[in-house]
Every structure is written in C-alpha cells, then in structure tokens.
Amino acid sequence: MIAKHWKLTLQKQQQRITLYVTTTDALIEIDLSGPESCSLIATARQYHRRAQNAAQNHRDLAIGALMVFAAAPPYDLSFEHIETAPEVPHGPPQRHVCADRGEALVPIWESCESEDDEFQ
C-alpha cells in the first residue's frame, strides 16, 4: 500500500500554521467508491485545472480533505500552498475529514510554525 504525506501552510487567526494529511491507496478506493457528491477527490477537481487522472488521486484526495477541513474561519485560505511532506507530526491526528458521507476518512494534523521546525 502506498502512503503519501502532504502539508498545507496557511493562516489561522493571523498565525502561520501547517496542516498535514496522509493519503493511501485504500483511502482513495473508499473515497471513489461512494457517490461523486461525497468524494473529496471530486471536490478538489471542481476547483483546479491540474491533471485529473488516476495518477493524481493522492494529490487530489489531500487537496479535497484540506479544502473541507479549512474552508471556514478561523482558517484563511487566501494564501496557501500544498506540497509533499516527508512525514506527519508524531501522535494521533487532531481530526479525520470526509466529504458528506459521515465517516472518518483522511487524518489531519495541525502544527504552529514554531512546531514545524522539528520536521525541517
């Protein structure tokens, strides 16, 4: 099973933070097995013009999860950048994200800018 880690740097209450997610082949299968209206991958693909094929499923699952998680205050998505991460913070995630299907799917960790130094 392939696992990939992603991070998104953005603002939360005027402080720079980083959100981390992990995607796996199994999570992609679960996301794509339900209705398209409940898919995090489909959510991400509504808003970007990058390649939209199976090879991009990990990236799009991460983008969709982060969009759903950080869509409302206190998060500010006016400046954000998603990229791969070598790992996620240690310990359990703060939350799991799903689209509208109600089940926990993609794990999310949040860390403040100063906490990110341990991953650099």
PDB file of N, CA and C in Angstrom:
ATOM      1  N   MET A   1       0.849  -1.175   0.000  1.00  0.00           N
ATOM      2  CA  MET A   1       0.000   0.000   0.000  1.00  0.00           C
ATOM      3  C   MET A   1       0.895   1.238   0.000  1.00  0.00           C
ATOM      4  N   ILE A   2       0.592   2.152  -0.873  1.00  0.00           N
ATOM      5  CA  ILE A   2       1.331   3.405  -0.967  1.00  0.00           C
ATOM      6  C   ILE A   2       0.697   4.426  -0.033  1.00  0.00           C
ATOM      7  N   ALA A   3       1.531   5.073   0.780  1.00  0.00           N
ATOM      8  CA  ALA A   3       1.093   6.184   1.635  1.00  0.00           C
ATOM      9  C   ALA A   3       1.910   7.401   1.249  1.00  0.00           C
ATOM     10  N   LYS A   4       1.236   8.527   1.121  1.00  0.00           N
ATOM     11  CA  LYS A   4       1.906   9.794   0.819  1.00  0.00           C
ATOM     12  C   LYS A   4       1.487  10.821   1.853  1.00  0.00           C
ATOM     13  N   HIS A   5       2.416  11.693   2.198  1.00  0.00           N
ATOM     14  CA  HIS A   5       2.165  12.745   3.173  1.00  0.00           C
ATOM     15  C   HIS A   5       2.172  14.095   2.459  1.00  0.00           C
ATOM     16  N   TRP A   6       1.311  14.986   2.934  1.00  0.00           N
ATOM     17  CA  TRP A   6       1.146  16.306   2.322  1.00  0.00           C
ATOM     18  C   TRP A   6       1.074  17.346   3.413  1.00  0.00           C
ATOM     19  N   LYS A   7       1.456  18.578   3.074  1.00  0.00           N
ATOM     20  CA  LYS A   7       1.297  19.662   4.032  1.00  0.00           C
ATOM     21  C   LYS A   7       0.801  20.902   3.319  1.00  0.00           C
ATOM     22  N   LEU A   8       0.037  21.691   4.058  1.00  0.00           N
ATOM     23  CA  LEU A   8      -0.523  22.942   3.558  1.00  0.00           C
ATOM     24  C   LEU A   8      -0.213  24.017   4.579  1.00  0.00           C
ATOM     25  N   THR A   9       0.484  25.054   4.145  1.00  0.00           N
ATOM     26  CA  THR A   9       0.784  26.182   5.009  1.00  0.00           C
ATOM     27  C   THR A   9      -0.254  27.268   4.756  1.00  0.00           C
ATOM     28  N   LEU A  10      -0.840  27.799   5.817  1.00  0.00           N
ATOM     29  CA  LEU A  10      -1.870  28.824   5.701  1.00  0.00           C
ATOM     30  C   LEU A  10      -1.927  29.630   6.993  1.00  0.00           C
ATOM     31  N   GLN A  11      -2.873  30.533   7.085  1.00  0.00           N
ATOM     32  CA  GLN A  11      -3.058  31.385   8.257  1.00  0.00           C
ATOM     33  C   GLN A  11      -4.249  30.893   9.075  1.00  0.00           C
ATOM     34  N   LYS A  12      -4.090  30.961  10.393  1.00  0.00           N
ATOM     35  CA  LYS A  12      -5.200  30.681  11.312  1.00  0.00           C
ATOM     36  C   LYS A  12      -5.129  31.747  12.396  1.00  0.00           C
ATOM     37  N   GLN A  13      -6.130  32.588  12.466  1.00  0.00           N
ATOM     38  CA  GLN A  13      -6.176  33.679  13.442  1.00  0.00           C
ATOM     39  C   GLN A  13      -4.872  34.479  13.413  1.00  0.00           C
ATOM     40  N   GLN A  14      -4.435  34.834  12.210  1.00  0.00           N
ATOM     41  CA  GLN A  14      -3.264  35.663  11.958  1.00  0.00           C
ATOM     42  C   GLN A  14      -1.948  34.995  12.346  1.00  0.00           C
ATOM     43  N   GLN A  15      -1.960  33.682  12.527  1.00  0.00           N
ATOM     44  CA  GLN A  15      -0.737  32.938  12.813  1.00  0.00           C
ATOM     45  C   GLN A  15      -0.511  31.931  11.689  1.00  0.00           C
ATOM     46  N   ARG A  16       0.718  31.793  11.264  1.00  0.00           N
ATOM     47  CA  ARG A  16       1.050  30.848  10.204  1.00  0.00           C
ATOM     48  C   ARG A  16       1.089  29.439  10.796  1.00  0.00           C
ATOM     49  N   ILE A  17       0.307  28.534  10.188  1.00  0.00           N
ATOM     50  CA  ILE A  17       0.273  27.151  10.640  1.00  0.00           C
ATOM     51  C   ILE A  17       0.470  26.217   9.449  1.00  0.00           C
ATOM     52  N   THR A  18       0.693  24.960   9.744  1.00  0.00           N
ATOM     53  CA  THR A  18       0.791  23.938   8.711  1.00  0.00           C
ATOM     54  C   THR A  18      -0.157  22.808   9.068  1.00  0.00           C
ATOM     55  N   LEU A  19      -0.960  22.399   8.087  1.00  0.00           N
ATOM     56  CA  LEU A  19      -1.810  21.224   8.225  1.00  0.00           C
ATOM     57  C   LEU A  19      -1.142  20.079   7.476  1.00  0.00           C
ATOM     58  N   TYR A  20      -1.189  18.895   8.038  1.00  0.00           N
ATOM     59  CA  TYR A  20      -0.610  17.704   7.417  1.00  0.00           C
ATOM     60  C   TYR A  20      -1.699  16.679   7.180  1.00  0.00           C
ATOM     61  N   VAL A  21      -1.613  15.953   6.084  1.00  0.00           N
ATOM     62  CA  VAL A  21      -2.518  14.839   5.810  1.00  0.00           C
ATOM     63  C   VAL A  21      -1.716  13.667   5.251  1.00  0.00           C
ATOM     64  N   THR A  22      -2.275  12.486   5.419  1.00  0.00           N
ATOM     65  CA  THR A  22      -1.714  11.279   4.821  1.00  0.00           C
ATOM     66  C   THR A  22      -2.774  10.677   3.918  1.00  0.00           C
ATOM     67  N   THR A  23      -2.384  10.301   2.724  1.00  0.00           N
ATOM     68  CA  THR A  23      -3.292   9.615   1.802  1.00  0.00           C
ATOM     69  C   THR A  23      -2.736   8.225   1.517  1.00  0.00           C
ATOM     70  N   THR A  24      -3.628   7.287   1.292  1.00  0.00           N
ATOM     71  CA  THR A  24      -3.229   5.918   0.958  1.00  0.00           C
ATOM     72  C   THR A  24      -4.089   5.418  -0.196  1.00  0.00           C
ATOM     73  N   ASP A  25      -3.637   4.355  -0.823  1.00  0.00           N
ATOM     74  CA  ASP A  25      -4.433   3.745  -1.884  1.00  0.00           C
ATOM     75  C   ASP A  25      -5.799   3.306  -1.361  1.00  0.00           C
ATOM     76  N   ALA A  26      -5.834   2.776  -0.137  1.00  0.00           N
ATOM     77  CA  ALA A  26      -7.103   2.322   0.449  1.00  0.00           C
ATOM     78  C   ALA A  26      -8.066   3.491   0.650  1.00  0.00           C
ATOM     79  N   LEU A  27      -7.549   4.644   1.107  1.00  0.00           N
ATOM     80  CA  LEU A  27      -8.416   5.816   1.288  1.00  0.00           C
ATOM     81  C   LEU A  27      -8.959   6.315  -0.044  1.00  0.00           C
ATOM     82  N   ILE A  28      -8.143   6.234  -1.079  1.00  0.00           N
ATOM     83  CA  ILE A  28      -8.590   6.629  -2.420  1.00  0.00           C
ATOM     84  C   ILE A  28      -9.730   5.724  -2.876  1.00  0.00           C
ATOM     85  N   GLU A  29      -9.570   4.420  -2.684  1.00  0.00           N
ATOM     86  CA  GLU A  29     -10.630   3.482  -3.073  1.00  0.00           C
ATOM     87  C   GLU A  29     -11.934   3.771  -2.341  1.00  0.00           C
ATOM     88  N   ILE A  30     -11.838   4.037  -1.030  1.00  0.00           N
ATOM     89  CA  ILE A  30     -13.039   4.358  -0.253  1.00  0.00           C
ATOM     90  C   ILE A  30     -13.676   5.637  -0.770  1.00  0.00           C
ATOM     91  N   ASP A  31     -12.864   6.666  -1.008  1.00  0.00           N
ATOM     92  CA  ASP A  31     -13.385   7.947  -1.482  1.00  0.00           C
ATOM     93  C   ASP A  31     -14.090   7.798  -2.828  1.00  0.00           C
ATOM     94  N   LEU A  32     -13.506   7.054  -3.720  1.00  0.00           N
ATOM     95  CA  LEU A  32     -14.081   6.910  -5.066  1.00  0.00           C
ATOM     96  C   LEU A  32     -15.220   5.901  -5.133  1.00  0.00           C
ATOM     97  N   SER A  33     -15.408   5.094  -4.088  1.00  0.00           N
ATOM     98  CA  SER A  33     -16.442   4.057  -4.139  1.00  0.00           C
ATOM     99  C   SER A  33     -17.849   4.586  -3.879  1.00  0.00           C
ATOM    100  N   GLY A  34     -17.948   5.770  -3.305  1.00  0.00           N
ATOM    101  CA  GLY A  34     -19.256   6.341  -3.000  1.00  0.00           C
ATOM    102  C   GLY A  34     -19.727   7.286  -4.086  1.00  0.00           C
ATOM    103  N   PRO A  35     -20.823   7.958  -3.828  1.00  0.00           N
ATOM    104  CA  PRO A  35     -21.333   8.935  -4.794  1.00  0.00           C
ATOM    105  C   PRO A  35     -20.323  10.058  -5.022  1.00  0.00           C
ATOM    106  N   GLU A  36     -20.276  10.569  -6.229  1.00  0.00           N
ATOM    107  CA  GLU A  36     -19.339  11.641  -6.560  1.00  0.00           C
ATOM    108  C   GLU A  36     -19.558  12.872  -5.683  1.00  0.00           C
ATOM    109  N   SER A  37     -20.794  13.127  -5.304  1.00  0.00           N
ATOM    110  CA  SER A  37     -21.088  14.293  -4.461  1.00  0.00           C
ATOM    111  C   SER A  37     -20.482  14.167  -3.066  1.00  0.00           C
ATOM    112  N   CYS A  38     -20.057  12.980  -2.685  1.00  0.00           N
ATOM    113  CA  CYS A  38     -19.453  12.742  -1.371  1.00  0.00           C
ATOM    114  C   CYS A  38     -17.949  12.503  -1.465  1.00  0.00           C
ATOM    115  N   SER A  39     -17.365  12.727  -2.612  1.00  0.00           N
ATOM    116  CA  SER A  39     -15.948  12.433  -2.830  1.00  0.00           C
ATOM    117  C   SER A  39     -15.067  13.655  -2.600  1.00  0.00           C
ATOM    118  N   LEU A  40     -14.046  13.483  -1.774  1.00  0.00           N
ATOM    119  CA  LEU A  40     -13.074  14.561  -1.572  1.00  0.00           C
ATOM    120  C   LEU A  40     -12.273  14.805  -2.846  1.00  0.00           C
ATOM    121  N   ILE A  41     -11.992  13.749  -3.587  1.00  0.00           N
ATOM    122  CA  ILE A  41     -11.266  13.889  -4.860  1.00  0.00           C
ATOM    123  C   ILE A  41     -12.091  14.718  -5.834  1.00  0.00           C
ATOM    124  N   ALA A  42     -13.377  14.417  -5.944  1.00  0.00           N
ATOM    125  CA  ALA A  42     -14.246  15.183  -6.842  1.00  0.00           C
ATOM    126  C   ALA A  42     -14.356  16.631  -6.389  1.00  0.00           C
ATOM    127  N   THR A  43     -14.395  16.868  -5.083  1.00  0.00           N
ATOM    128  CA  THR A  43     -14.443  18.231  -4.555  1.00  0.00           C
ATOM    129  C   THR A  43     -13.220  19.015  -5.021  1.00  0.00           C
ATOM    130  N   ALA A  44     -12.038  18.425  -4.867  1.00  0.00           N
ATOM    131  CA  ALA A  44     -10.807  19.117  -5.282  1.00  0.00           C
ATOM    132  C   ALA A  44     -10.801  19.395  -6.774  1.00  0.00           C
ATOM    133  N   ARG A  45     -11.271  18.457  -7.556  1.00  0.00           N
ATOM    134  CA  ARG A  45     -11.209  18.597  -9.011  1.00  0.00           C
ATOM    135  C   ARG A  45     -12.197  19.620  -9.558  1.00  0.00           C
ATOM    136  N   GLN A  46     -13.129  20.056  -8.749  1.00  0.00           N
ATOM    137  CA  GLN A  46     -14.048  21.117  -9.176  1.00  0.00           C
ATOM    138  C   GLN A  46     -13.347  22.468  -9.225  1.00  0.00           C
ATOM    139  N   TYR A  47     -12.227  22.606  -8.504  1.00  0.00           N
ATOM    140  CA  TYR A  47     -11.629  23.918  -8.302  1.00  0.00           C
ATOM    141  C   TYR A  47     -10.243  24.116  -8.878  1.00  0.00           C
ATOM    142  N   HIS A  48      -9.643  23.099  -9.461  1.00  0.00           N
ATOM    143  CA  HIS A  48      -8.307  23.319 -10.031  1.00  0.00           C
ATOM    144  C   HIS A  48      -8.220  22.772 -11.448  1.00  0.00           C
ATOM    145  N   ARG A  49      -7.236  23.233 -12.169  1.00  0.00           N
ATOM    146  CA  ARG A  49      -7.078  22.874 -13.575  1.00  0.00           C
ATOM    147  C   ARG A  49      -5.876  21.985 -13.821  1.00  0.00           C
ATOM    148  N   ARG A  50      -5.362  21.348 -12.791  1.00  0.00           N
ATOM    149  CA  ARG A  50      -4.232  20.442 -12.964  1.00  0.00           C
ATOM    150  C   ARG A  50      -4.722  19.135 -13.573  1.00  0.00           C
ATOM    151  N   ALA A  51      -3.778  18.271 -13.919  1.00  0.00           N
ATOM    152  CA  ALA A  51      -4.148  16.958 -14.476  1.00  0.00           C
ATOM    153  C   ALA A  51      -5.131  16.266 -13.533  1.00  0.00           C
ATOM    154  N   GLN A  52      -6.145  15.654 -14.106  1.00  0.00           N
ATOM    155  CA  GLN A  52      -7.182  14.991 -13.323  1.00  0.00           C
ATOM    156  C   GLN A  52      -7.304  13.547 -13.781  1.00  0.00           C
ATOM    157  N   ASN A  53      -6.360  12.721 -13.315  1.00  0.00           N
ATOM    158  CA  ASN A  53      -6.374  11.309 -13.676  1.00  0.00           C
ATOM    159  C   ASN A  53      -5.971  10.483 -12.467  1.00  0.00           C
ATOM    160  N   ALA A  54      -5.986   9.163 -12.625  1.00  0.00           N
ATOM    161  CA  ALA A  54      -5.710   8.264 -11.507  1.00  0.00           C
ATOM    162  C   ALA A  54      -4.343   8.519 -10.885  1.00  0.00           C
ATOM    163  N   ALA A  55      -3.382   8.944 -11.676  1.00  0.00           N
ATOM    164  CA  ALA A  55      -2.042   9.207 -11.154  1.00  0.00           C
ATOM    165  C   ALA A  55      -2.050  10.377 -10.167  1.00  0.00           C
ATOM    166  N   GLN A  56      -3.057  11.206 -10.226  1.00  0.00           N
ATOM    167  CA  GLN A  56      -3.151  12.386  -9.364  1.00  0.00           C
ATOM    168  C   GLN A  56      -4.116  12.194  -8.198  1.00  0.00           C
ATOM    169  N   ASN A  57      -4.607  10.990  -7.989  1.00  0.00           N
ATOM    170  CA  ASN A  57      -5.604  10.757  -6.939  1.00  0.00           C
ATOM    171  C   ASN A  57      -5.105  11.101  -5.541  1.00  0.00           C
ATOM    172  N   HIS A  58      -3.854  10.764  -5.226  1.00  0.00           N
ATOM    173  CA  HIS A  58      -3.323  11.085  -3.892  1.00  0.00           C
ATOM    174  C   HIS A  58      -3.341  12.598  -3.663  1.00  0.00           C
ATOM    175  N   ARG A  59      -2.809  13.347  -4.646  1.00  0.00           N
ATOM    176  CA  ARG A  59      -2.777  14.802  -4.520  1.00  0.00           C
ATOM    177  C   ARG A  59      -4.190  15.366  -4.366  1.00  0.00           C
ATOM    178  N   ASP A  60      -5.111  14.899  -5.184  1.00  0.00           N
ATOM    179  CA  ASP A  60      -6.466  15.444  -5.152  1.00  0.00           C
ATOM    180  C   ASP A  60      -7.217  15.055  -3.887  1.00  0.00           C
ATOM    181  N   LEU A  61      -6.948  13.867  -3.344  1.00  0.00           N
ATOM    182  CA  LEU A  61      -7.559  13.485  -2.065  1.00  0.00           C
ATOM    183  C   LEU A  61      -7.048  14.402  -0.958  1.00  0.00           C
ATOM    184  N   ALA A  62      -5.749  14.696  -0.967  1.00  0.00           N
ATOM    185  CA  ALA A  62      -5.180  15.609   0.032  1.00  0.00           C
ATOM    186  C   ALA A  62      -5.787  17.004  -0.108  1.00  0.00           C
ATOM    187  N   ILE A  63      -5.859  17.517  -1.330  1.00  0.00           N
ATOM    188  CA  ILE A  63      -6.428  18.843  -1.564  1.00  0.00           C
ATOM    189  C   ILE A  63      -7.887  18.885  -1.108  1.00  0.00           C
ATOM    190  N   GLY A  64      -8.668  17.894  -1.472  1.00  0.00           N
ATOM    191  CA  GLY A  64     -10.080  17.849  -1.072  1.00  0.00           C
ATOM    192  C   GLY A  64     -10.245  17.815   0.429  1.00  0.00           C
ATOM    193  N   ALA A  65      -9.447  17.011   1.117  1.00  0.00           N
ATOM    194  CA  ALA A  65      -9.532  16.924   2.578  1.00  0.00           C
ATOM    195  C   ALA A  65      -9.170  18.253   3.221  1.00  0.00           C
ATOM    196  N   LEU A  66      -8.114  18.871   2.731  1.00  0.00           N
ATOM    197  CA  LEU A  66      -7.700  20.158   3.291  1.00  0.00           C
ATOM    198  C   LEU A  66      -8.710  21.250   2.994  1.00  0.00           C
ATOM    199  N   MET A  67      -9.327  21.217   1.822  1.00  0.00           N
ATOM    200  CA  MET A  67     -10.357  22.200   1.485  1.00  0.00           C
ATOM    201  C   MET A  67     -11.546  22.085   2.438  1.00  0.00           C
ATOM    202  N   VAL A  68     -11.997  20.861   2.681  1.00  0.00           N
ATOM    203  CA  VAL A  68     -13.146  20.654   3.568  1.00  0.00           C
ATOM    204  C   VAL A  68     -12.798  21.070   4.992  1.00  0.00           C
ATOM    205  N   PHE A  69     -11.609  20.693   5.449  1.00  0.00           N
ATOM    206  CA  PHE A  69     -11.194  20.993   6.825  1.00  0.00           C
ATOM    207  C   PHE A  69     -11.020  22.490   7.061  1.00  0.00           C
ATOM    208  N   ALA A  70     -10.391  23.185   6.134  1.00  0.00           N
ATOM    209  CA  ALA A  70     -10.006  24.585   6.355  1.00  0.00           C
ATOM    210  C   ALA A  70     -10.890  25.577   5.600  1.00  0.00           C
ATOM    211  N   ALA A  71     -12.082  25.179   5.227  1.00  0.00           N
ATOM    212  CA  ALA A  71     -12.945  26.037   4.409  1.00  0.00           C
ATOM    213  C   ALA A  71     -13.552  27.209   5.175  1.00  0.00           C
ATOM    214  N   ALA A  72     -13.613  27.120   6.482  1.00  0.00           N
ATOM    215  CA  ALA A  72     -14.293  28.155   7.261  1.00  0.00           C
ATOM    216  C   ALA A  72     -13.348  28.751   8.301  1.00  0.00           C
ATOM    217  N   PRO A  73     -13.706  29.934   8.824  1.00  0.00           N
ATOM    218  CA  PRO A  73     -12.896  30.520   9.884  1.00  0.00           C
ATOM    219  C   PRO A  73     -12.738  29.508  11.023  1.00  0.00           C
ATOM    220  N   PRO A  74     -11.613  29.521  11.693  1.00  0.00           N
ATOM    221  CA  PRO A  74     -10.599  30.561  11.756  1.00  0.00           C
ATOM    222  C   PRO A  74      -9.509  30.440  10.692  1.00  0.00           C
ATOM    223  N   TYR A  75      -9.659  29.559   9.734  1.00  0.00           N
ATOM    224  CA  TYR A  75      -8.619  29.373   8.713  1.00  0.00           C
ATOM    225  C   TYR A  75      -8.783  30.397   7.593  1.00  0.00           C
ATOM    226  N   ASP A  76      -7.671  30.852   7.047  1.00  0.00           N
ATOM    227  CA  ASP A  76      -7.651  31.818   5.964  1.00  0.00           C
ATOM    228  C   ASP A  76      -6.921  31.194   4.779  1.00  0.00           C
ATOM    229  N   LEU A  77      -7.663  30.854   3.752  1.00  0.00           N
ATOM    230  CA  LEU A  77      -7.093  30.199   2.575  1.00  0.00           C
ATOM    231  C   LEU A  77      -6.701  31.186   1.483  1.00  0.00           C
ATOM    232  N   SER A  78      -6.630  32.473   1.806  1.00  0.00           N
ATOM    233  CA  SER A  78      -6.262  33.434   0.764  1.00  0.00           C
ATOM    234  C   SER A  78      -4.798  33.272   0.349  1.00  0.00           C
ATOM    235  N   PHE A  79      -3.978  32.727   1.210  1.00  0.00           N
ATOM    236  CA  PHE A  79      -2.611  32.376   0.834  1.00  0.00           C
ATOM    237  C   PHE A  79      -2.354  30.968   1.330  1.00  0.00           C
ATOM    238  N   GLU A  80      -2.204  30.042   0.414  1.00  0.00           N
ATOM    239  CA  GLU A  80      -1.930  28.671   0.798  1.00  0.00           C
ATOM    240  C   GLU A  80      -1.090  28.001  -0.267  1.00  0.00           C
ATOM    241  N   HIS A  81      -0.411  26.954   0.140  1.00  0.00           N
ATOM    242  CA  HIS A  81       0.431  26.211  -0.794  1.00  0.00           C
ATOM    243  C   HIS A  81       0.517  24.770  -0.314  1.00  0.00           C
ATOM    244  N   ILE A  82       0.102  23.815  -1.164  1.00  0.00           N
ATOM    245  CA  ILE A  82       0.189  22.408  -0.802  1.00  0.00           C
ATOM    246  C   ILE A  82       1.434  21.804  -1.434  1.00  0.00           C
ATOM    247  N   GLU A  83       2.088  20.930  -0.688  1.00  0.00           N
ATOM    248  CA  GLU A  83       3.277  20.251  -1.184  1.00  0.00           C
ATOM    249  C   GLU A  83       3.421  18.922  -0.459  1.00  0.00           C
ATOM    250  N   THR A  84       4.271  18.068  -0.991  1.00  0.00           N
ATOM    251  CA  THR A  84       4.513  16.801  -0.321  1.00  0.00           C
ATOM    252  C   THR A  84       5.314  17.056   0.950  1.00  0.00           C
ATOM    253  N   ALA A  85       5.178  16.163   1.905  1.00  0.00           N
ATOM    254  CA  ALA A  85       5.905  16.264   3.175  1.00  0.00           C
ATOM    255  C   ALA A  85       6.603  14.927   3.433  1.00  0.00           C
ATOM    256  N   PRO A  86       7.779  14.950   4.031  1.00  0.00           N
ATOM    257  CA  PRO A  86       8.479  13.703   4.296  1.00  0.00           C
ATOM    258  C   PRO A  86       7.782  12.847   5.352  1.00  0.00           C
ATOM    259  N   GLU A  87       7.070  13.495   6.259  1.00  0.00           N
ATOM    260  CA  GLU A  87       6.347  12.792   7.314  1.00  0.00           C
ATOM    261  C   GLU A  87       5.295  13.719   7.889  1.00  0.00           C
ATOM    262  N   VAL A  88       4.485  13.163   8.786  1.00  0.00           N
ATOM    263  CA  VAL A  88       3.492  13.959   9.502  1.00  0.00           C
ATOM    264  C   VAL A  88       3.931  14.034  10.963  1.00  0.00           C
ATOM    265  N   PRO A  89       3.368  14.971  11.739  1.00  0.00           N
ATOM    266  CA  PRO A  89       3.738  15.044  13.154  1.00  0.00           C
ATOM    267  C   PRO A  89       3.455  13.719  13.875  1.00  0.00           C
ATOM    268  N   HIS A  90       4.231  13.479  14.910  1.00  0.00           N
ATOM    269  CA  HIS A  90       4.045  12.267  15.712  1.00  0.00           C
ATOM    270  C   HIS A  90       2.777  12.388  16.543  1.00  0.00           C
ATOM    271  N   GLY A  91       2.179  11.283  16.866  1.00  0.00           N
ATOM    272  CA  GLY A  91       0.968  11.278  17.669  1.00  0.00           C
ATOM    273  C   GLY A  91      -0.266  11.168  16.804  1.00  0.00           C
ATOM    274  N   PRO A  92      -1.398  11.011  17.440  1.00  0.00           N
ATOM    275  CA  PRO A  92      -2.645  10.845  16.684  1.00  0.00           C
ATOM    276  C   PRO A  92      -3.065  12.145  16.000  1.00  0.00           C
ATOM    277  N   PRO A  93      -3.788  12.036  14.898  1.00  0.00           N
ATOM    278  CA  PRO A  93      -4.279  13.249  14.229  1.00  0.00           C
ATOM    279  C   PRO A  93      -5.323  13.959  15.091  1.00  0.00           C
ATOM    280  N   GLN A  94      -5.476  15.262  14.854  1.00  0.00           N
ATOM    281  CA  GLN A  94      -6.493  16.018  15.586  1.00  0.00           C
ATOM    282  C   GLN A  94      -7.895  15.685  15.102  1.00  0.00           C
ATOM    283  N   ARG A  95      -7.996  15.288  13.846  1.00  0.00           N
ATOM    284  CA  ARG A  95      -9.318  15.070  13.265  1.00  0.00           C
ATOM    285  C   ARG A  95      -9.182  14.221  12.013  1.00  0.00           C
ATOM    286  N   HIS A  96     -10.282  13.617  11.600  1.00  0.00           N
ATOM    287  CA  HIS A  96     -10.368  12.931  10.312  1.00  0.00           C
ATOM    288  C   HIS A  96     -11.409  13.670   9.480  1.00  0.00           C
ATOM    289  N   VAL A  97     -11.182  13.765   8.186  1.00  0.00           N
ATOM    290  CA  VAL A  97     -12.065  14.518   7.304  1.00  0.00           C
ATOM    291  C   VAL A  97     -12.725  13.571   6.319  1.00  0.00           C
ATOM    292  N   CYS A  98     -13.971  13.869   6.018  1.00  0.00           N
ATOM    293  CA  CYS A  98     -14.690  13.176   4.952  1.00  0.00           C
ATOM    294  C   CYS A  98     -15.481  14.232   4.210  1.00  0.00           C
ATOM    295  N   ALA A  99     -16.028  13.868   3.080  1.00  0.00           N
ATOM    296  CA  ALA A  99     -16.892  14.818   2.377  1.00  0.00           C
ATOM    297  C   ALA A  99     -18.243  14.774   3.084  1.00  0.00           C
ATOM    298  N   ASP A 100     -19.287  14.339   2.419  1.00  0.00           N
ATOM    299  CA  ASP A 100     -20.617  14.338   3.032  1.00  0.00           C
ATOM    300  C   ASP A 100     -21.090  12.960   3.454  1.00  0.00           C
ATOM    301  N   ARG A 101     -20.195  11.978   3.449  1.00  0.00           N
ATOM    302  CA  ARG A 101     -20.682  10.632   3.750  1.00  0.00           C
ATOM    303  C   ARG A 101     -20.680  10.307   5.235  1.00  0.00           C
ATOM    304  N   GLY A 102     -20.083  11.158   6.066  1.00  0.00           N
ATOM    305  CA  GLY A 102     -20.195  10.996   7.502  1.00  0.00           C
ATOM    306  C   GLY A 102     -19.183  10.076   8.154  1.00  0.00           C
ATOM    307  N   GLU A 103     -18.334   9.396   7.414  1.00  0.00           N
ATOM    308  CA  GLU A 103     -17.345   8.513   8.026  1.00  0.00           C
ATOM    309  C   GLU A 103     -15.981   9.193   8.049  1.00  0.00           C
ATOM    310  N   ALA A 104     -15.200   8.890   9.059  1.00  0.00           N
ATOM    311  CA  ALA A 104     -13.852   9.441   9.153  1.00  0.00           C
ATOM    312  C   ALA A 104     -13.011   8.854   8.027  1.00  0.00           C
ATOM    313  N   LEU A 105     -12.283   9.690   7.306  1.00  0.00           N
ATOM    314  CA  LEU A 105     -11.516   9.173   6.177  1.00  0.00           C
ATOM    315  C   LEU A 105     -10.058   9.614   6.230  1.00  0.00           C
ATOM    316  N   VAL A 106      -9.762  10.862   5.961  1.00  0.00           N
ATOM    317  CA  VAL A 106      -8.380  11.326   5.836  1.00  0.00           C
ATOM    318  C   VAL A 106      -7.929  11.972   7.146  1.00  0.00           C
ATOM    319  N   PRO A 107      -6.821  11.488   7.750  1.00  0.00           N
ATOM    320  CA  PRO A 107      -6.350  12.079   9.006  1.00  0.00           C
ATOM    321  C   PRO A 107      -5.694  13.435   8.780  1.00  0.00           C
ATOM    322  N   ILE A 108      -5.919  14.379   9.738  1.00  0.00           N
ATOM    323  CA  ILE A 108      -5.347  15.731   9.653  1.00  0.00           C
ATOM    324  C   ILE A 108      -4.639  16.054  10.968  1.00  0.00           C
ATOM    325  N   TRP A 109      -3.425  16.563  10.844  1.00  0.00           N
ATOM    326  CA  TRP A 109      -2.647  17.075  11.972  1.00  0.00           C
ATOM    327  C   TRP A 109      -2.457  18.566  11.748  1.00  0.00           C
ATOM    328  N   GLU A 110      -2.406  19.337  12.817  1.00  0.00           N
ATOM    329  CA  GLU A 110      -2.166  20.779  12.734  1.00  0.00           C
ATOM    330  C   GLU A 110      -0.979  21.132  13.619  1.00  0.00           C
ATOM    331  N   SER A 111      -0.088  21.957  13.098  1.00  0.00           N
ATOM    332  CA  SER A 111       1.020  22.428  13.932  1.00  0.00           C
ATOM    333  C   SER A 111       1.281  23.897  13.636  1.00  0.00           C
ATOM    334  N   CYS A 112       1.739  24.614  14.658  1.00  0.00           N
ATOM    335  CA  CYS A 112       2.100  26.018  14.510  1.00  0.00           C
ATOM    336  C   CYS A 112       3.463  26.114  13.851  1.00  0.00           C
ATOM    337  N   GLU A 113       3.750  27.269  13.270  1.00  0.00           N
ATOM    338  CA  GLU A 113       5.014  27.485  12.564  1.00  0.00           C
ATOM    339  C   GLU A 113       6.204  27.058  13.402  1.00  0.00           C
ATOM    340  N   SER A 114       6.245  27.411  14.687  1.00  0.00           N
ATOM    341  CA  SER A 114       7.393  27.073  15.534  1.00  0.00           C
ATOM    342  C   SER A 114       7.519  25.572  15.739  1.00  0.00           C
ATOM    343  N   GLU A 115       6.394  24.845  15.737  1.00  0.00           N
ATOM    344  CA  GLU A 115       6.439  23.401  15.894  1.00  0.00           C
ATOM    345  C   GLU A 115       6.949  22.710  14.643  1.00  0.00           C
ATOM    346  N   ASP A 116       6.806  23.355  13.486  1.00  0.00           N
ATOM    347  CA  ASP A 116       7.247  22.745  12.236  1.00  0.00           C
ATOM    348  C   ASP A 116       8.750  22.565  12.174  1.00  0.00           C
ATOM    349  N   ASP A 117       9.499  23.319  12.974  1.00  0.00           N
ATOM    350  CA  ASP A 117      10.958  23.261  12.905  1.00  0.00           C
ATOM    351  C   ASP A 117      11.488  21.864  13.132  1.00  0.00           C
ATOM    352  N   GLU A 118      10.783  21.036  13.925  1.00  0.00           N
ATOM    353  CA  GLU A 118      11.280  19.703  14.179  1.00  0.00           C
ATOM    354  C   GLU A 118      11.218  18.806  12.946  1.00  0.00           C
ATOM    355  N   PHE A 119      10.453  19.196  11.934  1.00  0.00           N
ATOM    356  CA  PHE A 119      10.346  18.398  10.714  1.00  0.00           C
ATOM    357  C   PHE A 119      11.297  18.888   9.632  1.00  0.00           C
ATOM    358  N   GLN A 120      11.976  20.010   9.813  1.00  0.00           N
ATOM    359  CA  GLN A 120      12.820  20.609   8.785  1.00  0.00           C
ATOM    360  C   GLN A 120      14.176  19.951   8.761  1.00  0.00           C
TER     361      GLN A 120
END
